[in-house]
Each structure stands twice: as C-alpha cells, then as structure tokens.
Protein backbone atom coordinates (compact mmCIF):
# COMPACT_ATOMS: atom_id res chain seq x y z
CA UNK A 1 -46.72 77.29 -10.51
CA UNK A 2 -46.40 75.78 -6.92
CA UNK A 3 -48.20 72.66 -8.05
CA UNK A 4 -45.93 71.93 -10.98
CA UNK A 5 -42.92 72.81 -8.97
CA UNK A 6 -43.98 70.07 -6.67
CA UNK A 7 -44.81 67.54 -9.64
CA UNK A 8 -41.42 68.44 -11.00
CA UNK A 9 -39.68 67.70 -7.45
CA UNK A 10 -41.49 64.21 -7.18
CA UNK A 11 -40.77 63.42 -10.95
CA UNK A 12 -37.04 64.01 -10.15
CA UNK A 13 -37.09 61.99 -6.86
CA UNK A 14 -38.71 59.11 -8.61
CA UNK A 15 -35.81 59.12 -11.34
CA UNK A 16 -33.21 59.19 -8.81
CA UNK A 17 -34.78 56.28 -6.92
CA UNK A 18 -35.08 54.36 -10.35
CA UNK A 19 -31.38 54.80 -11.07
CA UNK A 20 -30.18 54.07 -7.83
CA UNK A 21 -32.54 50.81 -7.98
CA UNK A 22 -30.83 49.85 -11.40
CA UNK A 23 -27.24 50.41 -10.09
CA UNK A 24 -27.72 48.38 -6.99
CA UNK A 25 -29.07 45.73 -9.31
CA UNK A 26 -26.19 46.00 -11.62
CA UNK A 27 -23.80 45.53 -8.68
CA UNK A 28 -25.71 42.67 -7.20
CA UNK A 29 -25.69 40.82 -10.66
CA UNK A 30 -21.99 41.46 -11.15
CA UNK A 31 -21.18 40.26 -7.80
CA UNK A 32 -22.79 37.22 -8.19
CA UNK A 33 -21.41 36.45 -11.67
CA UNK A 34 -17.96 37.08 -10.07
CA UNK A 35 -18.43 34.97 -7.34
CA UNK A 36 -19.59 32.03 -9.82
CA UNK A 37 -16.49 32.22 -11.63
CA UNK A 38 -14.02 33.04 -8.89
CA UNK A 39 -11.29 30.08 -8.34
CA UNK A 40 -11.99 28.00 -5.41
CA UNK A 41 -9.60 27.95 -2.62
CA UNK A 42 -8.44 24.45 -2.41
CA UNK A 43 -6.55 25.27 0.71
CA UNK A 44 -9.30 25.61 2.69
CA UNK A 45 -9.11 24.39 6.61
CA UNK A 46 -12.58 22.67 5.98
CA UNK A 47 -11.03 20.25 3.24
CA UNK A 48 -11.13 16.70 4.12
CA UNK A 49 -8.28 15.69 1.54
CA UNK A 50 -5.01 14.78 3.31
CA UNK A 51 -1.64 14.43 1.78
CA UNK A 52 -0.56 10.86 1.30
CA UNK A 53 1.29 9.35 4.25
CA UNK A 54 5.00 8.67 3.81
CA UNK A 55 6.50 5.34 4.07
CA UNK A 56 8.16 4.43 7.31
CA UNK A 57 11.74 3.95 7.48
CA UNK A 58 12.21 0.43 8.39
CA UNK A 59 16.04 0.14 7.91
CA UNK A 60 18.26 -0.14 11.02
CA UNK A 61 19.06 -2.49 14.07
CA UNK A 62 16.51 -4.66 16.01
CA UNK A 63 16.16 -7.12 19.02
CA UNK A 64 13.92 -9.82 18.13
CA UNK A 65 12.05 -12.33 20.12
CA UNK A 66 9.79 -15.16 18.67
CA UNK A 67 8.10 -18.46 18.69
CA UNK A 68 8.91 -21.32 16.20
CA UNK A 69 5.82 -23.35 14.58
CA UNK A 70 6.40 -26.00 17.15
CA UNK A 71 5.93 -23.59 19.90
CA UNK A 72 9.71 -23.40 20.94
CA UNK A 73 11.07 -19.62 21.68
CA UNK A 74 14.06 -17.83 20.36
CA UNK A 75 15.61 -14.44 20.44
CA UNK A 76 18.31 -12.81 18.34
CA UNK A 77 19.04 -9.58 16.60
CA UNK A 78 18.06 -8.13 13.05
CA UNK A 79 19.54 -5.89 10.65
CA UNK A 80 17.50 -4.10 8.11
CA UNK A 81 19.38 -2.73 5.20
CA UNK A 82 17.72 -0.38 2.61
CA UNK A 83 18.73 -1.28 -1.23
CA UNK A 84 16.67 0.99 -3.51
CA UNK A 85 13.34 -0.27 -3.73
CA UNK A 86 13.78 -3.23 -1.55
CA UNK A 87 15.34 -4.08 2.03
CA UNK A 88 18.02 -6.65 2.87
CA UNK A 89 17.03 -8.53 6.19
CA UNK A 90 19.75 -10.10 8.27
CA UNK A 91 19.22 -12.30 11.12
CA UNK A 92 21.45 -13.71 13.85
CA UNK A 93 19.16 -16.13 16.12
CA UNK A 94 21.74 -18.74 16.75
CA UNK A 95 21.61 -19.47 13.21
CA UNK A 96 21.92 -16.85 10.17
CA UNK A 97 19.38 -16.08 7.97
CA UNK A 98 19.35 -13.65 5.21
CA UNK A 99 16.32 -12.21 3.22
CA UNK A 100 14.80 -9.87 0.94
CA UNK A 101 11.85 -7.56 1.74
CA UNK A 102 9.24 -4.98 -0.06
CA UNK A 103 7.10 -2.57 1.90
CA UNK A 104 3.51 -2.14 0.81
CA UNK A 105 1.70 0.42 2.88
CA UNK A 106 2.08 -0.76 6.44
CA UNK A 107 3.48 -4.06 5.82
CA UNK A 108 6.62 -5.50 4.84
CA UNK A 109 6.73 -8.90 3.30
CA UNK A 110 10.07 -10.77 3.34
CA UNK A 111 11.35 -13.99 2.04
CA UNK A 112 14.52 -15.54 3.59
CA UNK A 113 16.73 -18.76 3.45
CA UNK A 114 19.37 -20.11 5.87
CA UNK A 115 23.03 -18.72 5.74
CA UNK A 116 24.41 -15.41 4.73
CA UNK A 117 23.03 -15.90 1.10
CA UNK A 118 19.43 -15.78 0.22
CA UNK A 119 19.95 -15.91 -3.62
CA UNK A 120 17.08 -17.45 -5.39
CA UNK A 121 14.51 -16.23 -3.02
CA UNK A 122 11.85 -13.68 -3.83
CA UNK A 123 8.87 -12.15 -2.24
CA UNK A 124 5.32 -10.54 -3.31
CA UNK A 125 3.08 -8.94 -1.22
CA UNK A 126 -0.52 -8.23 -2.51
CA UNK A 127 -3.49 -6.23 -1.70
CA UNK A 128 -6.89 -7.66 -2.13
CA UNK A 129 -9.14 -5.42 -4.12
CA UNK A 130 -12.99 -5.18 -3.67
CA UNK A 131 -13.42 -7.35 -6.91
CA UNK A 132 -11.04 -9.95 -5.74
CA UNK A 133 -8.08 -8.85 -7.77
CA UNK A 134 -4.69 -9.15 -6.41
CA UNK A 135 -2.56 -5.95 -6.54
CA UNK A 136 1.40 -6.87 -5.83
CA UNK A 137 4.61 -5.64 -5.28
CA UNK A 138 7.31 -7.74 -5.64
CA UNK A 139 11.36 -8.29 -5.60
CA UNK A 140 14.23 -10.86 -5.55
CA UNK A 141 17.34 -11.12 -3.33
CA UNK A 142 20.14 -9.33 -4.90
CA UNK A 143 18.05 -7.17 -7.15
CA UNK A 144 17.53 -3.59 -5.73
CA UNK A 145 14.45 -2.49 -7.95
CA UNK A 146 11.09 -3.96 -7.05
CA UNK A 147 8.71 -5.43 -9.61
CA UNK A 148 4.65 -5.00 -9.69
CA UNK A 149 1.84 -7.69 -10.51
CA UNK A 150 -1.76 -7.61 -10.98
CA UNK A 151 -3.81 -10.73 -10.76
CA UNK A 152 -7.28 -11.03 -12.10
CA UNK A 153 -9.48 -13.63 -11.03
CA UNK A 154 -11.05 -16.26 -13.47
CA UNK A 155 -12.24 -18.91 -11.26
CA UNK A 156 -12.59 -20.26 -7.74
CA UNK A 157 -13.79 -18.44 -4.49
CA UNK A 158 -12.10 -16.61 -1.64
CA UNK A 159 -8.61 -16.18 -2.19
CA UNK A 160 -8.06 -19.83 -3.71
CA UNK A 161 -8.49 -19.96 -7.44
CA UNK A 162 -7.33 -18.96 -11.04
CA UNK A 163 -5.92 -15.77 -12.11
CA UNK A 164 -4.61 -13.94 -15.17
CA UNK A 165 -1.57 -12.36 -14.09
CA UNK A 166 0.41 -9.42 -15.69
CA UNK A 167 3.39 -7.40 -14.27
CA UNK A 168 6.44 -5.51 -14.96
CA UNK A 169 9.91 -6.55 -14.21
CA UNK A 170 12.39 -4.12 -12.49
CA UNK A 171 14.01 -3.61 -15.80
CA UNK A 172 10.51 -2.59 -16.95
CA UNK A 173 9.77 -5.48 -19.28
CA UNK A 174 6.20 -6.68 -19.34
CA UNK A 175 4.89 -10.11 -18.87
CA UNK A 176 2.14 -12.44 -18.70
CA UNK A 177 1.36 -15.60 -16.50
CA UNK A 178 -1.41 -17.88 -15.14
CA UNK A 179 -1.53 -17.94 -11.30
CA UNK A 180 -3.10 -20.69 -9.22
CA UNK A 181 -3.93 -20.23 -5.62
CA UNK A 182 -4.19 -23.17 -3.39
CA UNK A 183 -5.03 -23.77 0.12
CA UNK A 184 -2.31 -25.39 2.31
CA UNK A 185 -3.76 -25.74 5.76
CA UNK A 186 -3.65 -22.31 7.27
CA UNK A 187 -1.39 -21.27 4.57
CA UNK A 188 -1.68 -20.95 0.52
CA UNK A 189 0.43 -22.44 -2.19
CA UNK A 190 1.07 -20.05 -5.34
CA UNK A 191 1.84 -21.49 -8.44
CA UNK A 192 2.78 -19.47 -11.67
CA UNK A 193 2.88 -20.63 -15.10
CA UNK A 194 6.33 -19.03 -15.75
CA UNK A 195 8.00 -21.59 -13.47
CA UNK A 196 7.72 -19.91 -10.08
CA UNK A 197 5.85 -21.10 -6.94
CA UNK A 198 5.74 -20.00 -3.38
CA UNK A 199 3.81 -20.19 -0.09
CA UNK A 200 2.25 -17.46 1.89
CA UNK A 201 -0.17 -16.29 4.57
CA UNK A 202 -3.15 -14.01 4.53
CA UNK A 203 -4.18 -11.63 7.15
CA UNK A 204 -7.15 -9.34 6.41
CA UNK A 205 -6.88 -8.00 2.70
CA UNK A 206 -3.02 -8.69 2.78
CA UNK A 207 -1.18 -11.59 1.44
CA UNK A 208 2.46 -12.16 1.79
CA UNK A 209 4.10 -14.88 -0.17
CA UNK A 210 7.78 -16.19 -0.32
CA UNK A 211 8.83 -17.46 -3.51
CA UNK A 212 11.42 -19.75 -4.46
CA UNK A 213 10.60 -23.26 -3.21
CA UNK A 214 11.37 -25.38 -0.27
CA UNK A 215 14.48 -23.35 0.68
CA UNK A 216 12.85 -20.03 1.21
CA UNK A 217 10.30 -19.13 4.17
CA UNK A 218 8.31 -15.87 4.29
CA UNK A 219 7.65 -13.40 7.16
CA UNK A 220 4.60 -11.01 7.32
CA UNK A 221 5.22 -7.72 9.41
CA UNK A 222 3.11 -5.22 10.40
CA UNK A 223 5.07 -1.91 10.74
CA UNK A 224 4.58 -0.58 14.04
CA UNK A 225 5.60 2.87 15.93
CA UNK A 226 8.32 0.95 17.83
CA UNK A 227 9.29 -1.94 15.63
CA UNK A 228 8.01 -4.89 13.48
CA UNK A 229 5.33 -7.64 14.49
CA UNK A 230 5.57 -10.54 12.33
CA UNK A 231 4.00 -13.82 11.51
CA UNK A 232 6.34 -16.44 9.79
CA UNK A 233 6.34 -19.81 8.19
CA UNK A 234 7.54 -21.90 5.19
CA UNK A 235 7.24 -25.16 3.17
CA UNK A 236 6.56 -28.42 5.00
CA UNK A 237 4.06 -27.43 7.74
CA UNK A 238 1.06 -25.39 7.73
CA UNK A 239 1.91 -24.33 11.11
CA UNK A 240 3.23 -20.61 11.38
CA UNK A 241 5.60 -18.76 13.79
CA UNK A 242 5.65 -15.24 15.47
CA UNK A 243 8.26 -12.48 15.69
CA UNK A 244 8.57 -9.30 17.50
CA UNK A 245 11.38 -6.94 16.09
CA UNK A 246 11.98 -3.86 18.32
CA UNK A 247 14.41 -1.16 17.36
CA UNK A 248 17.81 -0.80 19.23
C-alpha cells in the first residue's frame, strides 16, 4: 500500500508538470504569434524618416549689393512679392527692373527685364536627375500659377544635347516639345520647338534659365538664412554678375 501510494503521488506529480509545461508552451506560442501580427509603431524615436521641409518664405524687402558682369559694383533695394505659385521681383538699383521667380527646393530662379513691366519674360528652374533628365518648374510674368516640365535626353553629353520635353501649363493643359541645349561660354542657351528660347546658368545639379530672348535676363539665387545669394546674366555676354540680397 505504501509503494502504491508513492507511485500514485509520483504519477500525479508528473501529470502536473506535463500540464504546466504544455500551458507554458501554448502561452509562448500565442505570445510569438501576437507579436508577429501586431501593428508596428511608426512613431518610434528610432525612425530615420523625417518630415519634408517647408519652403522658405522669401517674400519681403531686401538691401542688395552686387557686381556687374564687367566687374563694376552696385547697390540698391529689392522687394519680393508672393503671387500664388510665383514671386514678383522689383529692384531699384539706380535703374528699375521687374521680374518673375519660381522657388524650387533651396533655389529661386528669376527672369527680369528693364522697367516696371516684365511682360514676356519667363523662367524655368531645373534639377538634373541621375539619368540626365531635367525636372523643372516654370512661370511667366503676370501669371500667378506655375507650370512643370520634364525633359528626357535623346542625344548629347553633359547638359548640352537634345531632349524630348513634356509638361503641364498652369491651366492644366499638357504639351510636348523638342528642346536643344547649347553651350554659350559659361552659360547655356535653351531653344524649344514651341518658339521659346532662353539663356541660363548651371550650378551643381541645378539650372536656372531666363526665357524671353534678349530683353530678359536671369538670376539664380541660393536661399540662405539671412537672404538670397545670387548669380545673374543674360544675352550678349557669357560673363555673369553676383548679387547678395539681405532682408531688411
């Protein structure tokens, strides 16, 4: 009887251990399954994704100092006025100038003309993609909305060459054109098959082009914390000037 009692106690103990082991195994399996299917916390402090940076507000009044392509110095004032997708630029530096600008990342490209009316002047700012394509944003004086253009290389090397361009006007209408880019000294000449042409400057992977022929010059500004830092030029010379605009 004593032996039987001992055997019974051992059997009961083994059964209890087996049941506890099974429960632990089931809990472990359930916990693992729940973890695999649980939603991931996308707000983790370890996340490396950052929110896009808002465009800088460049509207305002500035004091400007600069150099002409021939090396002469000048100074004056500049007012930048927001008009929807574009900006109006008004200079008074002994002579009055008026222009239109588009911001594209940390660059604002401007086309300008003498006087208080920049009608007929347009501007396009391109970023050069890794495959050599040009990805641009453009605007015309007196129109508050901007258009877009993508130009895919079909021939040439570097920036110079032939492109198939397709884009969208501010009214939403799409267009296609052939684009030829030719070196012009330190600058580049852009000729579109839809009767537009311009001249511009390349800085790194950015190209700023003033459109509108001999009447229209261009400026390519880098947007800085204290203002705008630019290089400018136009038809008639392959030399460029500089301009620093500091917010008042």
